[in-house]
Structure formats: C-alpha cells, structure tokens
Amino acid sequence: MSEKKQPQINLDLGLGGLFKGLGDLLDAVSDLASNDKLEINQSGEFEVKGLGEKGRGVYGVSIRTASDGSPRVQRFGNIRKTEAGPEVADVREPLVDVFDESEEIVIVAELPGVSEAQVQVELKDDIVSIETNGERHYAKEILLSAAVDPASLKQSYNNGILELRLMKAA
C-alpha cells in the first residue's frame, strides 16, 4: 500500500515550489492517518534558475507506520537546513531502510545512477558508512541497533539497490 508522487518543481526566485511540495506532503500525511495506509513516499526536484547543477535540489520523505502504529519518518535528498535557510548540498542522502531481524541486521539503500564500482561501504564499531564517488554523490551513516560481527558483512548491488547483511555478534 504505497502512494508515490514525483512533482517536478521549477523555481524562478525563492523556494515557493518547495513549500508547495511540502504542503502536498502534509496532505499525504493526513491521508495516511485517516485511511490506515502503511507507507507514503514523496519526493521531488527543483531548480533555481541561473545556478546550473549547483541549483538542482532533490528532496523527499518516507513515512511508514511502525508495528506499534506510530509513524516513522525518514528524509532523503540534498537539501540541508542551515542558519541562513535551505541549502542545496553536493552530496545526496539516500533513502535507507534498516531491518533488525532475529540473527542479523539488513540495510537496504537506494542509490540510483551509481554503478557498483562507485559504492564504498565501511563498518566501524556500530556505524555503517555508505558513500559513492562518481557523477552522483551519496553519503549516509547508519547507527546499528546491535553489535555485529564485522567479518559477516555481505554486500549485494542490483539496479541501484544496495543490500548489506550483518550477523549480530554472539
């Protein structure tokens, strides 16, 4: 049960289109609560004219209903909040799902537009770092919910989807 919207927003000045997209998201959240949906994904892109690739913003949010009925919200994209206001960063934050299963932790990251050779994964203590190099730059650090065996790391990559499997430490 998933609802996906992909608005294309073109901004002349300011961030009016971004706020419209966020307003659409709030409508979707209301729909999630009132219709017992399990998941909503909303994303979009916008361009600030005159800035070329530096003015290309990607934003998104994934809202899922957890097993206890509470919402779980995760943002992704390259829009960062600063004291001076929203900023378009060079690095995108990928959408990542973490599944804490009985004997292992499974991490699934969406990295569209990246080849397997460009993906770098590092495990340091209880933090997994995912980073890419190449034309599209993604970066994300994930705090693990349990201790894992570093030697158990298994990685697969197919059609822009990275899957990591880590066995929990005994």
C-alpha atoms as a PDB file:
ATOM      1  CA  MET A   1       0.000   0.000   0.000  1.00  0.00           C
ATOM      2  CA  SER A   2       2.185   2.783  -1.252  1.00  0.00           C
ATOM      3  CA  GLU A   3       1.446   6.175  -2.681  1.00  0.00           C
ATOM      4  CA  LYS A   4       4.165   7.792  -4.747  1.00  0.00           C
ATOM      5  CA  LYS A   5       4.204  11.310  -6.140  1.00  0.00           C
ATOM      6  CA  GLN A   6       7.016  12.774  -8.204  1.00  0.00           C
ATOM      7  CA  PRO A   7       6.337  16.519  -8.507  1.00  0.00           C
ATOM      8  CA  GLN A   8       8.631  18.486 -10.794  1.00  0.00           C
ATOM      9  CA  ILE A   9       9.068  21.983  -9.426  1.00  0.00           C
ATOM     10  CA  ASN A  10      10.761  24.841 -11.308  1.00  0.00           C
ATOM     11  CA  LEU A  11      11.590  27.882  -9.191  1.00  0.00           C
ATOM     12  CA  ASP A  12      12.279  31.359 -10.524  1.00  0.00           C
ATOM     13  CA  LEU A  13      13.084  33.004  -7.198  1.00  0.00           C
ATOM     14  CA  GLY A  14      12.875  31.747  -3.657  1.00  0.00           C
ATOM     15  CA  LEU A  15      11.572  28.375  -2.605  1.00  0.00           C
ATOM     16  CA  GLY A  16       7.831  28.709  -3.205  1.00  0.00           C
ATOM     17  CA  GLY A  17       7.615  25.458  -5.162  1.00  0.00           C
ATOM     18  CA  LEU A  18       9.435  23.582  -2.431  1.00  0.00           C
ATOM     19  CA  PHE A  19       6.896  24.782   0.101  1.00  0.00           C
ATOM     20  CA  LYS A  20       4.063  23.722  -2.211  1.00  0.00           C
ATOM     21  CA  GLY A  21       5.635  20.240  -2.359  1.00  0.00           C
ATOM     22  CA  LEU A  22       5.855  20.177   1.421  1.00  0.00           C
ATOM     23  CA  GLY A  23       2.204  21.225   1.606  1.00  0.00           C
ATOM     24  CA  ASP A  24       1.330  18.277  -0.647  1.00  0.00           C
ATOM     25  CA  LEU A  25       3.296  16.066   1.744  1.00  0.00           C
ATOM     26  CA  LEU A  26       1.265  17.284   4.714  1.00  0.00           C
ATOM     27  CA  ASP A  27      -1.892  16.398   2.801  1.00  0.00           C
ATOM     28  CA  ALA A  28      -0.452  12.915   2.191  1.00  0.00           C
ATOM     29  CA  VAL A  29       0.340  12.528   5.913  1.00  0.00           C
ATOM     30  CA  SER A  30      -3.254  13.386   6.768  1.00  0.00           C
ATOM     31  CA  ASP A  31      -4.356  10.778   4.233  1.00  0.00           C
ATOM     32  CA  LEU A  32      -2.014   8.219   5.843  1.00  0.00           C
ATOM     33  CA  ALA A  33      -3.547   8.789   9.264  1.00  0.00           C
ATOM     34  CA  SER A  34      -7.157   8.811   8.106  1.00  0.00           C
ATOM     35  CA  ASN A  35      -7.035   5.839   5.723  1.00  0.00           C
ATOM     36  CA  ASP A  36      -4.841   3.408   7.677  1.00  0.00           C
ATOM     37  CA  LYS A  37      -2.200   3.315   4.940  1.00  0.00           C
ATOM     38  CA  LEU A  38       1.132   1.748   5.852  1.00  0.00           C
ATOM     39  CA  GLU A  39       3.505   3.853   3.762  1.00  0.00           C
ATOM     40  CA  ILE A  40       3.822   7.152   1.888  1.00  0.00           C
ATOM     41  CA  ASN A  41       6.831   8.232  -0.157  1.00  0.00           C
ATOM     42  CA  GLN A  42       7.046  11.735  -1.542  1.00  0.00           C
ATOM     43  CA  SER A  43       9.918  13.244  -3.439  1.00  0.00           C
ATOM     44  CA  GLY A  44      10.575  15.997  -5.887  1.00  0.00           C
ATOM     45  CA  GLU A  45      13.179  18.081  -7.626  1.00  0.00           C
ATOM     46  CA  PHE A  46      13.551  21.771  -8.215  1.00  0.00           C
ATOM     47  CA  GLU A  47      15.971  24.062  -9.992  1.00  0.00           C
ATOM     48  CA  VAL A  48      16.940  27.591  -9.060  1.00  0.00           C
ATOM     49  CA  LYS A  49      17.419  29.352 -12.390  1.00  0.00           C
ATOM     50  CA  GLY A  50      20.889  30.709 -13.060  1.00  0.00           C
ATOM     51  CA  LEU A  51      22.765  28.294 -10.800  1.00  0.00           C
ATOM     52  CA  GLY A  52      23.049  25.297 -13.160  1.00  0.00           C
ATOM     53  CA  GLU A  53      23.724  21.957 -11.428  1.00  0.00           C
ATOM     54  CA  LYS A  54      24.522  23.784  -8.160  1.00  0.00           C
ATOM     55  CA  GLY A  55      20.890  24.879  -8.022  1.00  0.00           C
ATOM     56  CA  ARG A  56      19.374  21.426  -8.560  1.00  0.00           C
ATOM     57  CA  GLY A  57      17.680  20.228  -5.412  1.00  0.00           C
ATOM     58  CA  VAL A  58      16.270  16.808  -4.638  1.00  0.00           C
ATOM     59  CA  TYR A  59      14.149  16.287  -1.551  1.00  0.00           C
ATOM     60  CA  GLY A  60      11.990  13.548  -0.237  1.00  0.00           C
ATOM     61  CA  VAL A  61      10.496  11.890   2.738  1.00  0.00           C
ATOM     62  CA  SER A  62       9.315   8.390   3.503  1.00  0.00           C
ATOM     63  CA  ILE A  63       6.673   7.894   6.172  1.00  0.00           C
ATOM     64  CA  ARG A  64       5.830   4.404   7.333  1.00  0.00           C
ATOM     65  CA  THR A  65       3.574   3.122  10.020  1.00  0.00           C
ATOM     66  CA  ALA A  66       5.578   1.075  12.529  1.00  0.00           C
ATOM     67  CA  SER A  67       4.225  -2.143  14.007  1.00  0.00           C
ATOM     68  CA  ASP A  68       3.126  -0.248  17.133  1.00  0.00           C
ATOM     69  CA  GLY A  69       1.094   2.183  14.991  1.00  0.00           C
ATOM     70  CA  SER A  70       3.465   5.140  15.357  1.00  0.00           C
ATOM     71  CA  PRO A  71       4.796   6.920  12.263  1.00  0.00           C
ATOM     72  CA  ARG A  72       8.449   6.537  11.219  1.00  0.00           C
ATOM     73  CA  VAL A  73       9.670   9.485   9.152  1.00  0.00           C
ATOM     74  CA  GLN A  74      12.896   9.438   7.132  1.00  0.00           C
ATOM     75  CA  ARG A  75      14.113  12.265   4.906  1.00  0.00           C
ATOM     76  CA  PHE A  76      16.423  11.954   1.919  1.00  0.00           C
ATOM     77  CA  GLY A  77      17.889  14.192  -0.776  1.00  0.00           C
ATOM     78  CA  ASN A  78      20.400  17.023  -0.909  1.00  0.00           C
ATOM     79  CA  ILE A  79      18.536  19.866   0.807  1.00  0.00           C
ATOM     80  CA  ARG A  80      20.162  20.846   4.104  1.00  0.00           C
ATOM     81  CA  LYS A  81      18.823  23.205   6.747  1.00  0.00           C
ATOM     82  CA  THR A  82      21.286  25.958   7.669  1.00  0.00           C
ATOM     83  CA  GLU A  83      21.015  29.110   9.761  1.00  0.00           C
ATOM     84  CA  ALA A  84      20.840  31.100   6.510  1.00  0.00           C
ATOM     85  CA  GLY A  85      17.993  28.912   5.224  1.00  0.00           C
ATOM     86  CA  PRO A  86      17.739  25.841   2.968  1.00  0.00           C
ATOM     87  CA  GLU A  87      20.898  24.948   1.042  1.00  0.00           C
ATOM     88  CA  VAL A  88      21.479  22.610  -1.901  1.00  0.00           C
ATOM     89  CA  ALA A  89      24.408  20.311  -0.994  1.00  0.00           C
ATOM     90  CA  ASP A  90      26.688  18.467  -3.432  1.00  0.00           C
ATOM     91  CA  VAL A  91      26.054  15.160  -1.626  1.00  0.00           C
ATOM     92  CA  ARG A  92      22.655  13.467  -1.530  1.00  0.00           C
ATOM     93  CA  GLU A  93      21.401  11.445   1.404  1.00  0.00           C
ATOM     94  CA  PRO A  94      19.992   8.150   0.096  1.00  0.00           C
ATOM     95  CA  LEU A  95      16.766   6.557   1.273  1.00  0.00           C
ATOM     96  CA  VAL A  96      17.810   3.735   3.619  1.00  0.00           C
ATOM     97  CA  ASP A  97      15.790   1.031   5.370  1.00  0.00           C
ATOM     98  CA  VAL A  98      17.241  -0.904   8.312  1.00  0.00           C
ATOM     99  CA  PHE A  99      15.697  -4.214   9.365  1.00  0.00           C
ATOM    100  CA  ASP A 100      16.683  -5.635  12.747  1.00  0.00           C
ATOM    101  CA  GLU A 101      15.952  -9.331  12.340  1.00  0.00           C
ATOM    102  CA  SER A 102      16.482 -12.062  14.921  1.00  0.00           C
ATOM    103  CA  GLU A 103      20.029 -13.030  13.888  1.00  0.00           C
ATOM    104  CA  GLU A 104      21.097 -10.285  11.507  1.00  0.00           C
ATOM    105  CA  ILE A 105      20.722  -6.643  10.543  1.00  0.00           C
ATOM    106  CA  VAL A 106      19.766  -5.929   6.940  1.00  0.00           C
ATOM    107  CA  ILE A 107      20.326  -2.500   5.379  1.00  0.00           C
ATOM    108  CA  VAL A 108      18.791  -1.554   2.023  1.00  0.00           C
ATOM    109  CA  ALA A 109      19.867   1.718   0.380  1.00  0.00           C
ATOM    110  CA  GLU A 110      18.570   3.286  -2.826  1.00  0.00           C
ATOM    111  CA  LEU A 111      21.471   4.670  -4.894  1.00  0.00           C
ATOM    112  CA  PRO A 112      20.065   5.465  -8.363  1.00  0.00           C
ATOM    113  CA  GLY A 113      22.509   6.482 -11.074  1.00  0.00           C
ATOM    114  CA  VAL A 114      25.528   4.841  -9.425  1.00  0.00           C
ATOM    115  CA  SER A 115      27.496   1.769 -10.540  1.00  0.00           C
ATOM    116  CA  GLU A 116      28.527  -0.952  -8.110  1.00  0.00           C
ATOM    117  CA  ALA A 117      32.198   0.042  -8.504  1.00  0.00           C
ATOM    118  CA  GLN A 118      31.386   3.531  -7.168  1.00  0.00           C
ATOM    119  CA  VAL A 119      29.880   2.247  -3.888  1.00  0.00           C
ATOM    120  CA  GLN A 120      32.066   2.212  -0.765  1.00  0.00           C
ATOM    121  CA  VAL A 121      30.881   0.622   2.489  1.00  0.00           C
ATOM    122  CA  GLU A 122      32.743   0.910   5.769  1.00  0.00           C
ATOM    123  CA  LEU A 123      31.901  -0.630   9.141  1.00  0.00           C
ATOM    124  CA  LYS A 124      33.426   0.967  12.223  1.00  0.00           C
ATOM    125  CA  ASP A 125      32.157  -0.299  15.576  1.00  0.00           C
ATOM    126  CA  ASP A 126      28.364   0.194  15.445  1.00  0.00           C
ATOM    127  CA  ILE A 127      28.290   2.607  12.487  1.00  0.00           C
ATOM    128  CA  VAL A 128      27.948   1.649   8.817  1.00  0.00           C
ATOM    129  CA  SER A 129      29.028   4.328   6.332  1.00  0.00           C
ATOM    130  CA  ILE A 130      27.806   4.249   2.747  1.00  0.00           C
ATOM    131  CA  GLU A 131      29.398   6.621   0.269  1.00  0.00           C
ATOM    132  CA  THR A 132      29.644   6.840  -3.511  1.00  0.00           C
ATOM    133  CA  ASN A 133      32.022   8.549  -5.874  1.00  0.00           C
ATOM    134  CA  GLY A 134      31.391   9.476  -9.474  1.00  0.00           C
ATOM    135  CA  GLU A 135      28.898  11.873 -11.016  1.00  0.00           C
ATOM    136  CA  ARG A 136      26.283  11.337  -8.287  1.00  0.00           C
ATOM    137  CA  HIS A 137      27.493  11.579  -4.719  1.00  0.00           C
ATOM    138  CA  TYR A 138      25.590   9.865  -1.916  1.00  0.00           C
ATOM    139  CA  ALA A 139      26.595   9.592   1.736  1.00  0.00           C
ATOM    140  CA  LYS A 140      24.890   8.195   4.829  1.00  0.00           C
ATOM    141  CA  GLU A 141      25.976   6.930   8.236  1.00  0.00           C
ATOM    142  CA  ILE A 142      23.735   4.375   9.929  1.00  0.00           C
ATOM    143  CA  LEU A 143      23.878   3.660  13.653  1.00  0.00           C
ATOM    144  CA  LEU A 144      23.268  -0.049  14.205  1.00  0.00           C
ATOM    145  CA  SER A 145      20.874  -1.215  16.907  1.00  0.00           C
ATOM    146  CA  ALA A 146      23.079  -4.146  17.969  1.00  0.00           C
ATOM    147  CA  ALA A 147      26.712  -5.236  17.908  1.00  0.00           C
ATOM    148  CA  VAL A 148      27.632  -7.110  14.721  1.00  0.00           C
ATOM    149  CA  ASP A 149      30.404  -9.419  13.516  1.00  0.00           C
ATOM    150  CA  PRO A 150      32.457  -7.302  11.036  1.00  0.00           C
ATOM    151  CA  ALA A 151      33.597 -10.427   9.152  1.00  0.00           C
ATOM    152  CA  SER A 152      29.977 -11.317   8.371  1.00  0.00           C
ATOM    153  CA  LEU A 153      29.345  -8.291   6.134  1.00  0.00           C
ATOM    154  CA  LYS A 154      27.715  -9.441   2.882  1.00  0.00           C
ATOM    155  CA  GLN A 155      27.033  -6.883   0.184  1.00  0.00           C
ATOM    156  CA  SER A 156      24.961  -7.093  -2.995  1.00  0.00           C
ATOM    157  CA  TYR A 157      24.085  -4.405  -5.535  1.00  0.00           C
ATOM    158  CA  ASN A 158      21.460  -4.603  -8.263  1.00  0.00           C
ATOM    159  CA  ASN A 159      19.755  -1.845 -10.284  1.00  0.00           C
ATOM    160  CA  GLY A 160      20.671   0.947  -7.853  1.00  0.00           C
ATOM    161  CA  ILE A 161      19.703  -1.024  -4.728  1.00  0.00           C
ATOM    162  CA  LEU A 162      22.444  -1.818  -2.206  1.00  0.00           C
ATOM    163  CA  GLU A 163      21.752  -4.582   0.314  1.00  0.00           C
ATOM    164  CA  LEU A 164      24.019  -5.176   3.306  1.00  0.00           C
ATOM    165  CA  ARG A 165      23.668  -8.123   5.694  1.00  0.00           C
ATOM    166  CA  LEU A 166      25.457  -8.254   9.035  1.00  0.00           C
ATOM    167  CA  MET A 167      25.223 -11.087  11.533  1.00  0.00           C
ATOM    168  CA  LYS A 168      24.667  -9.982  15.112  1.00  0.00           C
ATOM    169  CA  ALA A 169      27.557 -10.636  17.484  1.00  0.00           C
ATOM    170  CA  ALA A 170      27.080 -13.553  19.879  1.00  0.00           C
END
